[in-house]
Amino acid sequence: MKAVSIPALVMAGITFYLGFHYLLLYVKRRDHREYLTFALTCLFMSLYDVLCAGLYQATSVREGLPWERLQIATLGVGSLSFLWFISDYASYRRRNVLNALSMVTLPAAAFQRELIATFLGEAEKGLADLESAVVNRDGLRVKQHAHRIKGSSANAGAQRLQEIASEIEEIGDRGDFGSVQEKLVEFKAGFEKVRRDLEQYAKRLESLGPDVGQGPH
């Protein structure tokens, strides 16, 4: 297990305990429905944390996509549970709570589409800048651009691209531009595969609705 997954699992355990505790309170005091909705919110939060830990274990974008889909679904249902809790806690119930749910879930999908577009755009620009730095035999710029690409690849869950960028960063610092060129070929091939996977996933997000990703005007 990767170390980065441990904090997520710890949080999952804490929120699960809290949710289970309030579920037991609700069993004893059925007149307090806010105990139930708060418990459900905590349990969904716990599930989301577990899914985060699973995503952190993914070694490629393809492996990470199922975890992200489950995260979106859990976020949507958990948001509904949270809205019900707020309604119960404030003793104020609205008939359009399901409409409020759509206001939460659709932006979540739109946000992921934005992240995909941002990553692809930054990676393309970073790759062009990196190639320019290699042509000019500028080791410092090679290191800087490779470091930037490494960070954006990590954010997108593209672990192999992150590893290659890290290798380029180290090689560029030594001024071995021939080896950098070889790694660039490998990076480009990996990036094209990641691009296809992400573009397919973005199309699936579009199927959630025509207004997804449009954002407020």
Protein backbone atom coordinates (compact mmCIF):
# COMPACT_ATOMS: atom_id res chain seq x y z
CA MET A 1 0.00 0.00 0.00
CA LYS A 2 1.24 3.47 -0.89
CA ALA A 3 1.83 5.82 2.03
CA VAL A 4 -0.39 8.47 0.44
CA SER A 5 -3.42 6.19 0.91
CA ILE A 6 -2.96 5.89 4.69
CA PRO A 7 -4.35 9.36 5.67
CA ALA A 8 -7.44 8.73 3.52
CA LEU A 9 -8.05 5.38 5.24
CA VAL A 10 -7.55 6.96 8.67
CA MET A 11 -10.16 9.61 7.84
CA ALA A 12 -12.46 6.88 6.50
CA GLY A 13 -12.19 5.05 9.82
CA ILE A 14 -12.91 8.18 11.86
CA THR A 15 -15.95 9.23 9.80
CA PHE A 16 -17.27 5.65 9.75
CA TYR A 17 -17.06 5.48 13.55
CA LEU A 18 -18.84 8.83 13.85
CA GLY A 19 -21.55 7.75 11.41
CA PHE A 20 -22.10 4.43 13.16
CA HIS A 21 -22.27 6.18 16.54
CA TYR A 22 -25.03 8.56 15.36
CA LEU A 23 -26.84 5.68 13.69
CA LEU A 24 -27.06 3.98 17.07
CA LEU A 25 -28.28 7.23 18.63
CA TYR A 26 -31.04 7.39 16.03
CA VAL A 27 -32.10 3.82 16.85
CA LYS A 28 -32.55 4.90 20.47
CA ARG A 29 -34.16 8.28 19.69
CA ARG A 30 -36.29 7.97 16.55
CA ASP A 31 -37.71 11.47 17.08
CA HIS A 32 -34.35 12.98 16.08
CA ARG A 33 -34.15 12.32 12.35
CA GLU A 34 -31.12 14.61 12.07
CA TYR A 35 -29.14 11.82 13.77
CA LEU A 36 -29.98 9.51 10.88
CA THR A 37 -29.19 11.98 8.11
CA PHE A 38 -25.96 13.02 9.81
CA ALA A 39 -24.99 9.35 10.18
CA LEU A 40 -25.67 8.71 6.50
CA THR A 41 -23.61 11.77 5.54
CA CYS A 42 -20.67 10.49 7.60
CA LEU A 43 -20.95 7.01 6.09
CA PHE A 44 -20.90 8.41 2.56
CA MET A 45 -17.90 10.54 3.50
CA SER A 46 -16.20 7.41 4.80
CA LEU A 47 -16.92 5.61 1.52
CA TYR A 48 -15.56 8.58 -0.45
CA ASP A 49 -12.33 8.45 1.58
CA VAL A 50 -11.99 4.73 0.85
CA LEU A 51 -12.44 5.46 -2.86
CA CYS A 52 -9.73 8.14 -2.59
CA ALA A 53 -7.38 5.55 -1.11
CA GLY A 54 -8.22 3.20 -3.98
CA LEU A 55 -7.56 5.95 -6.53
CA TYR A 56 -4.17 6.66 -4.96
CA GLN A 57 -3.26 3.00 -5.52
CA ALA A 58 -3.95 3.25 -9.27
CA THR A 59 -0.86 3.01 -11.43
CA SER A 60 -2.41 4.46 -14.60
CA VAL A 61 -5.25 6.71 -15.74
CA ARG A 62 -7.18 3.67 -17.00
CA GLU A 63 -7.03 2.06 -13.56
CA GLY A 64 -8.01 5.32 -11.89
CA LEU A 65 -11.12 6.05 -14.00
CA PRO A 66 -13.45 3.50 -12.26
CA TRP A 67 -12.49 4.93 -8.87
CA GLU A 68 -13.27 8.47 -10.08
CA ARG A 69 -16.67 7.38 -11.43
CA LEU A 70 -17.53 5.88 -8.05
CA GLN A 71 -16.33 9.07 -6.36
CA ILE A 72 -18.73 11.16 -8.47
CA ALA A 73 -21.65 8.86 -7.63
CA THR A 74 -20.79 8.86 -3.92
CA LEU A 75 -20.38 12.63 -3.92
CA GLY A 76 -23.82 13.04 -5.48
CA VAL A 77 -25.67 10.76 -3.05
CA GLY A 78 -23.66 12.04 -0.10
CA SER A 79 -24.54 15.61 -1.05
CA LEU A 80 -28.22 14.71 -0.98
CA SER A 81 -27.76 13.18 2.47
CA PHE A 82 -25.99 16.35 3.64
CA LEU A 83 -28.82 18.54 2.31
CA TRP A 84 -31.35 16.41 4.17
CA PHE A 85 -29.29 16.74 7.33
CA ILE A 86 -29.22 20.54 7.02
CA SER A 87 -32.96 20.50 6.40
CA ASP A 88 -33.61 18.31 9.45
CA TYR A 89 -31.20 20.18 11.69
CA ALA A 90 -32.77 23.51 10.86
CA SER A 91 -36.30 22.02 10.94
CA TYR A 92 -36.82 23.39 7.45
CA ARG A 93 -37.85 21.02 4.67
CA ARG A 94 -37.96 21.95 1.03
CA ARG A 95 -39.76 20.09 -1.72
CA ASN A 96 -37.07 20.91 -4.25
CA VAL A 97 -34.24 19.18 -2.40
CA LEU A 98 -33.71 16.93 -5.43
CA ASN A 99 -33.18 20.03 -7.56
CA ALA A 100 -30.54 21.08 -5.08
CA LEU A 101 -28.89 17.70 -5.62
CA SER A 102 -28.59 18.34 -9.34
CA MET A 103 -26.90 21.67 -8.56
CA VAL A 104 -24.26 19.69 -6.66
CA THR A 105 -23.70 16.66 -8.91
CA LEU A 106 -23.61 18.42 -12.28
CA PRO A 107 -20.89 20.89 -11.26
CA ALA A 108 -18.89 17.91 -9.95
CA ALA A 109 -18.90 16.37 -13.43
CA ALA A 110 -18.18 19.75 -15.01
CA PHE A 111 -15.28 20.24 -12.63
CA GLN A 112 -13.74 16.95 -13.73
CA ARG A 113 -14.10 17.95 -17.37
CA GLU A 114 -12.35 21.22 -16.59
CA LEU A 115 -9.53 19.35 -14.88
CA ILE A 116 -9.10 17.10 -17.91
CA ALA A 117 -9.01 20.06 -20.31
CA THR A 118 -6.58 21.92 -18.05
CA PHE A 119 -4.23 18.97 -17.75
CA LEU A 120 -4.19 18.27 -21.48
CA GLY A 121 -3.60 21.95 -22.29
CA GLU A 122 -0.83 22.35 -19.72
CA ALA A 123 0.83 19.08 -20.75
CA GLU A 124 0.86 20.07 -24.44
CA LYS A 125 2.34 23.47 -23.66
CA GLY A 126 4.83 22.00 -21.22
CA LEU A 127 5.90 19.42 -23.77
CA ALA A 128 6.46 22.10 -26.42
CA ASP A 129 8.47 24.21 -23.96
CA LEU A 130 10.48 21.18 -22.95
CA GLU A 131 11.33 20.31 -26.55
CA SER A 132 12.39 23.92 -27.15
CA ALA A 133 14.66 23.80 -24.10
CA VAL A 134 16.27 20.59 -25.36
CA VAL A 135 16.88 22.10 -28.81
CA ASN A 136 18.53 25.10 -27.13
CA ARG A 137 20.44 22.75 -24.78
CA ASP A 138 19.20 24.71 -21.79
CA GLY A 139 19.52 22.30 -18.88
CA LEU A 140 17.91 24.65 -16.35
CA ARG A 141 14.79 25.13 -18.47
CA VAL A 142 14.61 21.40 -19.16
CA LYS A 143 14.59 20.80 -15.42
CA GLN A 144 11.95 23.49 -14.79
CA HIS A 145 9.57 22.36 -17.53
CA ALA A 146 9.97 18.69 -16.61
CA HIS A 147 9.20 19.54 -12.98
CA ARG A 148 6.03 21.37 -14.03
CA ILE A 149 4.91 18.46 -16.21
CA LYS A 150 5.63 16.07 -13.36
CA GLY A 151 3.30 18.01 -11.07
CA SER A 152 0.41 18.20 -13.54
CA SER A 153 0.80 14.48 -14.35
CA ALA A 154 0.61 13.65 -10.65
CA ASN A 155 -2.56 15.72 -10.28
CA ALA A 156 -4.14 13.83 -13.19
CA GLY A 157 -3.16 10.43 -11.76
CA ALA A 158 -0.89 9.69 -14.74
CA GLN A 159 1.77 7.93 -12.69
CA ARG A 160 3.91 6.68 -15.59
CA LEU A 161 4.05 10.16 -17.13
CA GLN A 162 4.98 11.53 -13.73
CA GLU A 163 7.83 9.01 -13.47
CA ILE A 164 9.16 9.81 -16.95
CA ALA A 165 9.00 13.56 -16.26
CA SER A 166 10.91 12.98 -13.03
CA GLU A 167 13.59 11.07 -14.94
CA ILE A 168 13.82 13.87 -17.52
CA GLU A 169 14.19 16.38 -14.70
CA GLU A 170 17.14 14.46 -13.25
CA ILE A 171 18.76 13.85 -16.65
CA GLY A 172 18.33 17.48 -17.69
CA ASP A 173 20.05 18.60 -14.52
CA ARG A 174 23.08 16.58 -15.66
CA GLY A 175 22.94 18.07 -19.17
CA ASP A 176 22.54 14.70 -20.91
CA PHE A 177 20.34 15.99 -23.74
CA GLY A 178 20.64 12.80 -25.79
CA SER A 179 19.01 10.79 -23.00
CA VAL A 180 16.39 13.53 -22.58
CA GLN A 181 15.46 13.12 -26.25
CA GLU A 182 14.96 9.38 -25.75
CA LYS A 183 12.76 9.98 -22.71
CA LEU A 184 10.76 12.57 -24.63
CA VAL A 185 9.85 9.93 -27.23
CA GLU A 186 8.65 7.66 -24.43
CA PHE A 187 6.74 10.50 -22.79
CA LYS A 188 4.95 11.44 -26.03
CA ALA A 189 3.79 7.86 -26.59
CA GLY A 190 2.48 7.65 -23.02
CA PHE A 191 0.83 11.05 -23.26
CA GLU A 192 -1.09 10.10 -26.41
CA LYS A 193 -2.48 7.04 -24.62
CA VAL A 194 -3.46 9.12 -21.60
CA ARG A 195 -5.06 11.72 -23.87
CA ARG A 196 -7.27 9.09 -25.51
CA ASP A 197 -8.37 7.71 -22.14
CA LEU A 198 -9.16 11.15 -20.73
CA GLU A 199 -11.03 12.30 -23.85
CA GLN A 200 -13.18 9.15 -23.74
CA TYR A 201 -13.92 9.78 -20.07
CA ALA A 202 -14.82 13.42 -20.79
CA LYS A 203 -17.32 12.24 -23.41
CA ARG A 204 -18.95 9.99 -20.82
CA LEU A 205 -19.27 12.97 -18.49
CA GLU A 206 -21.00 14.89 -21.28
CA SER A 207 -23.72 12.22 -21.30
CA LEU A 208 -24.78 13.37 -17.83
CA GLY A 209 -26.55 16.30 -19.41
CA PRO A 210 -26.27 19.01 -22.04
CA ASP A 211 -25.63 21.72 -19.47
CA VAL A 212 -22.81 19.90 -17.70
CA GLY A 213 -19.64 21.90 -17.89
CA GLN A 214 -21.34 25.13 -19.01
CA GLY A 215 -21.11 26.72 -15.61
CA PRO A 216 -22.92 29.89 -14.47
CA HIS A 217 -23.30 32.78 -16.91
